[in-house]
Amino acid sequence: MDAVNSSGQTEPRYRYAIDCGRAQIFIYARSLATVLRVDGEIDGCNADRVAAEIRRFGRVKAPMILDLSHLEFMGMEGFQALLALNHEHRAAGFYCTVVVGSAMRPVLRIVSDHGLPLVQSVPEALQLIEDALAGRRQVLQRLVR
């Protein structure tokens, strides 16, 4: 069952919440991926802790969507941690996309060649995963024929 937020939109209920100081991570189980929504602020005080919690969910090896659209502030330490996570995910062949929010935009203006797989919304990220799965199915069907 979904919850209705303050603007009248429905949102899925989260399964877990993790307190990381000035940031909170809410985990939503979706059919195609695990969504980790980060609220609050990521700076030098909590960037390592937030990254460590995200790494924990990366061990599952299921597609992950890191939703930073509700983040209020991201310092350079948080951005560096995000880049390190992205590098680790790519090296492991792990699929993870990042939903951009207003807190990331100032950093993204400064660091344009970051290599992060960015999307504008969770539905867009889910659609990309669904499209990739459909493409794999088609390739497998062609190989079987």
C-alpha atoms as a PDB file:
ATOM      1  CA  MET A   1       0.000   0.000   0.000  1.00  0.00           C
ATOM      2  CA  ASP A   2       1.233   3.504  -0.835  1.00  0.00           C
ATOM      3  CA  ALA A   3       1.305   6.586   1.373  1.00  0.00           C
ATOM      4  CA  VAL A   4       0.061  10.054   0.402  1.00  0.00           C
ATOM      5  CA  ASN A   5       2.647  12.818   0.875  1.00  0.00           C
ATOM      6  CA  SER A   6       1.998  16.467   1.837  1.00  0.00           C
ATOM      7  CA  SER A   7       1.500  17.488  -1.811  1.00  0.00           C
ATOM      8  CA  GLY A   8      -1.174  14.844  -2.376  1.00  0.00           C
ATOM      9  CA  GLN A   9       1.045  12.492  -4.401  1.00  0.00           C
ATOM     10  CA  THR A  10       1.272   8.812  -3.582  1.00  0.00           C
ATOM     11  CA  GLU A  11       4.619   7.325  -2.617  1.00  0.00           C
ATOM     12  CA  PRO A  12       5.461   3.713  -1.823  1.00  0.00           C
ATOM     13  CA  ARG A  13       5.976   2.920   1.829  1.00  0.00           C
ATOM     14  CA  TYR A  14       9.558   2.357   2.811  1.00  0.00           C
ATOM     15  CA  ARG A  15      10.699  -0.894   4.377  1.00  0.00           C
ATOM     16  CA  TYR A  16      13.657   0.428   6.350  1.00  0.00           C
ATOM     17  CA  ALA A  17      15.015   3.769   7.485  1.00  0.00           C
ATOM     18  CA  ILE A  18      18.648   4.336   8.415  1.00  0.00           C
ATOM     19  CA  ASP A  19      19.821   7.358  10.389  1.00  0.00           C
ATOM     20  CA  CYS A  20      23.149   8.730   9.165  1.00  0.00           C
ATOM     21  CA  GLY A  21      23.430  11.879  11.241  1.00  0.00           C
ATOM     22  CA  ARG A  22      22.047  14.742   9.187  1.00  0.00           C
ATOM     23  CA  ALA A  23      20.947  12.331   6.455  1.00  0.00           C
ATOM     24  CA  GLN A  24      18.374   9.568   6.461  1.00  0.00           C
ATOM     25  CA  ILE A  25      18.184   6.705   3.993  1.00  0.00           C
ATOM     26  CA  PHE A  26      14.788   5.201   3.214  1.00  0.00           C
ATOM     27  CA  ILE A  27      14.770   1.842   1.432  1.00  0.00           C
ATOM     28  CA  TYR A  28      11.933   0.933  -0.930  1.00  0.00           C
ATOM     29  CA  ALA A  29      11.658  -2.539  -2.466  1.00  0.00           C
ATOM     30  CA  ARG A  30      10.473  -2.305  -6.077  1.00  0.00           C
ATOM     31  CA  SER A  31       9.943  -5.169  -8.501  1.00  0.00           C
ATOM     32  CA  LEU A  32      12.906  -4.216 -10.705  1.00  0.00           C
ATOM     33  CA  ALA A  33      15.287  -2.558  -8.239  1.00  0.00           C
ATOM     34  CA  THR A  34      15.922  -1.428  -4.706  1.00  0.00           C
ATOM     35  CA  VAL A  35      15.398   2.311  -4.273  1.00  0.00           C
ATOM     36  CA  LEU A  36      17.481   4.103  -1.654  1.00  0.00           C
ATOM     37  CA  ARG A  37      16.118   7.600  -1.060  1.00  0.00           C
ATOM     38  CA  VAL A  38      18.480   9.909   0.796  1.00  0.00           C
ATOM     39  CA  ASP A  39      16.991  12.901   2.618  1.00  0.00           C
ATOM     40  CA  GLY A  40      18.772  15.630   4.550  1.00  0.00           C
ATOM     41  CA  GLU A  41      22.401  16.663   4.123  1.00  0.00           C
ATOM     42  CA  ILE A  42      25.582  14.852   3.117  1.00  0.00           C
ATOM     43  CA  ASP A  43      28.804  16.583   4.098  1.00  0.00           C
ATOM     44  CA  GLY A  44      32.184  15.796   5.633  1.00  0.00           C
ATOM     45  CA  CYS A  45      30.570  14.685   8.891  1.00  0.00           C
ATOM     46  CA  ASN A  46      28.446  11.881   7.465  1.00  0.00           C
ATOM     47  CA  ALA A  47      29.581  11.153   3.874  1.00  0.00           C
ATOM     48  CA  ASP A  48      31.510   8.025   4.890  1.00  0.00           C
ATOM     49  CA  ARG A  49      28.596   6.695   6.924  1.00  0.00           C
ATOM     50  CA  VAL A  50      26.090   7.270   4.110  1.00  0.00           C
ATOM     51  CA  ALA A  51      28.448   5.560   1.636  1.00  0.00           C
ATOM     52  CA  ALA A  52      28.927   2.603   3.995  1.00  0.00           C
ATOM     53  CA  GLU A  53      25.160   2.103   4.274  1.00  0.00           C
ATOM     54  CA  ILE A  54      24.736   2.286   0.494  1.00  0.00           C
ATOM     55  CA  ARG A  55      27.541  -0.277   0.100  1.00  0.00           C
ATOM     56  CA  ARG A  56      25.635  -2.661   2.380  1.00  0.00           C
ATOM     57  CA  PHE A  57      22.699  -2.723  -0.025  1.00  0.00           C
ATOM     58  CA  GLY A  58      25.044  -3.055  -2.987  1.00  0.00           C
ATOM     59  CA  ARG A  59      26.103  -6.468  -1.719  1.00  0.00           C
ATOM     60  CA  VAL A  60      22.705  -7.813  -2.784  1.00  0.00           C
ATOM     61  CA  LYS A  61      23.778  -7.332  -6.426  1.00  0.00           C
ATOM     62  CA  ALA A  62      20.254  -6.340  -7.504  1.00  0.00           C
ATOM     63  CA  PRO A  63      19.808  -3.154  -9.534  1.00  0.00           C
ATOM     64  CA  MET A  64      19.810  -0.066  -7.312  1.00  0.00           C
ATOM     65  CA  ILE A  65      18.368   3.393  -7.733  1.00  0.00           C
ATOM     66  CA  LEU A  66      19.942   6.037  -5.527  1.00  0.00           C
ATOM     67  CA  ASP A  67      17.302   8.764  -5.207  1.00  0.00           C
ATOM     68  CA  LEU A  68      18.939  12.053  -4.202  1.00  0.00           C
ATOM     69  CA  SER A  69      16.000  14.207  -5.301  1.00  0.00           C
ATOM     70  CA  HIS A  70      14.986  14.886  -1.678  1.00  0.00           C
ATOM     71  CA  LEU A  71      18.502  15.797  -0.550  1.00  0.00           C
ATOM     72  CA  GLU A  72      18.786  19.341   0.824  1.00  0.00           C
ATOM     73  CA  PHE A  73      22.593  19.689   0.659  1.00  0.00           C
ATOM     74  CA  MET A  74      25.507  17.772  -0.821  1.00  0.00           C
ATOM     75  CA  GLY A  75      29.037  18.885  -0.028  1.00  0.00           C
ATOM     76  CA  MET A  76      32.125  17.916  -1.984  1.00  0.00           C
ATOM     77  CA  GLU A  77      32.814  15.071   0.451  1.00  0.00           C
ATOM     78  CA  GLY A  78      29.400  13.605  -0.346  1.00  0.00           C
ATOM     79  CA  PHE A  79      30.009  13.981  -4.059  1.00  0.00           C
ATOM     80  CA  GLN A  80      33.428  12.323  -3.762  1.00  0.00           C
ATOM     81  CA  ALA A  81      31.829   9.418  -1.890  1.00  0.00           C
ATOM     82  CA  LEU A  82      29.226   9.136  -4.661  1.00  0.00           C
ATOM     83  CA  LEU A  83      31.973   9.032  -7.305  1.00  0.00           C
ATOM     84  CA  ALA A  84      33.810   6.316  -5.348  1.00  0.00           C
ATOM     85  CA  LEU A  85      30.599   4.265  -5.075  1.00  0.00           C
ATOM     86  CA  ASN A  86      30.003   4.652  -8.804  1.00  0.00           C
ATOM     87  CA  HIS A  87      33.529   3.442  -9.546  1.00  0.00           C
ATOM     88  CA  GLU A  88      33.056   0.410  -7.260  1.00  0.00           C
ATOM     89  CA  HIS A  89      29.672  -0.417  -8.806  1.00  0.00           C
ATOM     90  CA  ARG A  90      31.034  -0.272 -12.345  1.00  0.00           C
ATOM     91  CA  ALA A  91      34.046  -2.414 -11.461  1.00  0.00           C
ATOM     92  CA  ALA A  92      31.714  -5.024  -9.952  1.00  0.00           C
ATOM     93  CA  GLY A  93      29.301  -4.928 -12.912  1.00  0.00           C
ATOM     94  CA  PHE A  94      26.582  -3.665 -10.603  1.00  0.00           C
ATOM     95  CA  TYR A  95      23.740  -1.553 -12.061  1.00  0.00           C
ATOM     96  CA  CYS A  96      23.030   1.665 -10.167  1.00  0.00           C
ATOM     97  CA  THR A  97      21.483   4.937 -11.329  1.00  0.00           C
ATOM     98  CA  VAL A  98      21.329   8.253  -9.496  1.00  0.00           C
ATOM     99  CA  VAL A  99      18.219  10.441  -9.423  1.00  0.00           C
ATOM    100  CA  VAL A 100      19.409  14.052  -9.454  1.00  0.00           C
ATOM    101  CA  GLY A 101      17.995  16.693  -7.135  1.00  0.00           C
ATOM    102  CA  SER A 102      18.521  20.380  -6.535  1.00  0.00           C
ATOM    103  CA  ALA A 103      21.264  19.741  -3.947  1.00  0.00           C
ATOM    104  CA  MET A 104      23.449  18.098  -6.608  1.00  0.00           C
ATOM    105  CA  ARG A 105      23.092  20.765  -9.275  1.00  0.00           C
ATOM    106  CA  PRO A 106      25.759  23.178  -7.916  1.00  0.00           C
ATOM    107  CA  VAL A 107      28.330  20.368  -7.711  1.00  0.00           C
ATOM    108  CA  LEU A 108      27.396  19.088 -11.179  1.00  0.00           C
ATOM    109  CA  ARG A 109      27.995  22.581 -12.612  1.00  0.00           C
ATOM    110  CA  ILE A 110      31.544  22.462 -11.240  1.00  0.00           C
ATOM    111  CA  VAL A 111      32.306  18.807 -12.072  1.00  0.00           C
ATOM    112  CA  SER A 112      30.833  18.119 -15.484  1.00  0.00           C
ATOM    113  CA  ASP A 113      32.865  15.035 -16.496  1.00  0.00           C
ATOM    114  CA  HIS A 114      31.853  12.801 -13.596  1.00  0.00           C
ATOM    115  CA  GLY A 115      30.614   9.630 -15.318  1.00  0.00           C
ATOM    116  CA  LEU A 116      27.613   9.205 -13.010  1.00  0.00           C
ATOM    117  CA  PRO A 117      24.541   7.500 -14.523  1.00  0.00           C
ATOM    118  CA  LEU A 118      22.056  10.315 -13.863  1.00  0.00           C
ATOM    119  CA  VAL A 119      18.296  10.343 -14.368  1.00  0.00           C
ATOM    120  CA  GLN A 120      15.589  12.847 -13.455  1.00  0.00           C
ATOM    121  CA  SER A 121      13.168  10.531 -11.630  1.00  0.00           C
ATOM    122  CA  VAL A 122      12.682   7.081 -10.124  1.00  0.00           C
ATOM    123  CA  PRO A 123      10.124   6.138 -12.832  1.00  0.00           C
ATOM    124  CA  GLU A 124      12.713   7.041 -15.498  1.00  0.00           C
ATOM    125  CA  ALA A 125      15.314   4.849 -13.764  1.00  0.00           C
ATOM    126  CA  LEU A 126      12.852   1.948 -13.519  1.00  0.00           C
ATOM    127  CA  GLN A 127      12.018   2.337 -17.220  1.00  0.00           C
ATOM    128  CA  LEU A 128      15.718   2.143 -18.133  1.00  0.00           C
ATOM    129  CA  ILE A 129      16.039  -1.098 -16.168  1.00  0.00           C
ATOM    130  CA  GLU A 130      12.921  -2.512 -17.798  1.00  0.00           C
ATOM    131  CA  ASP A 131      14.215  -1.567 -21.263  1.00  0.00           C
ATOM    132  CA  ALA A 132      17.584  -3.199 -20.560  1.00  0.00           C
ATOM    133  CA  LEU A 133      15.886  -6.397 -19.405  1.00  0.00           C
ATOM    134  CA  ALA A 134      13.676  -6.449 -22.498  1.00  0.00           C
ATOM    135  CA  GLY A 135      16.745  -6.006 -24.695  1.00  0.00           C
ATOM    136  CA  ARG A 136      18.512  -8.903 -22.975  1.00  0.00           C
ATOM    137  CA  ARG A 137      15.445 -11.099 -23.443  1.00  0.00           C
ATOM    138  CA  GLN A 138      15.397 -10.333 -27.175  1.00  0.00           C
ATOM    139  CA  VAL A 139      19.072 -11.199 -27.524  1.00  0.00           C
ATOM    140  CA  LEU A 140      18.563 -14.475 -25.674  1.00  0.00           C
ATOM    141  CA  GLN A 141      15.544 -15.345 -27.821  1.00  0.00           C
ATOM    142  CA  ARG A 142      17.596 -14.752 -30.973  1.00  0.00           C
ATOM    143  CA  LEU A 143      20.367 -16.986 -29.668  1.00  0.00           C
ATOM    144  CA  VAL A 144      17.903 -19.784 -28.886  1.00  0.00           C
ATOM    145  CA  ARG A 145      16.460 -19.684 -32.423  1.00  0.00           C
END
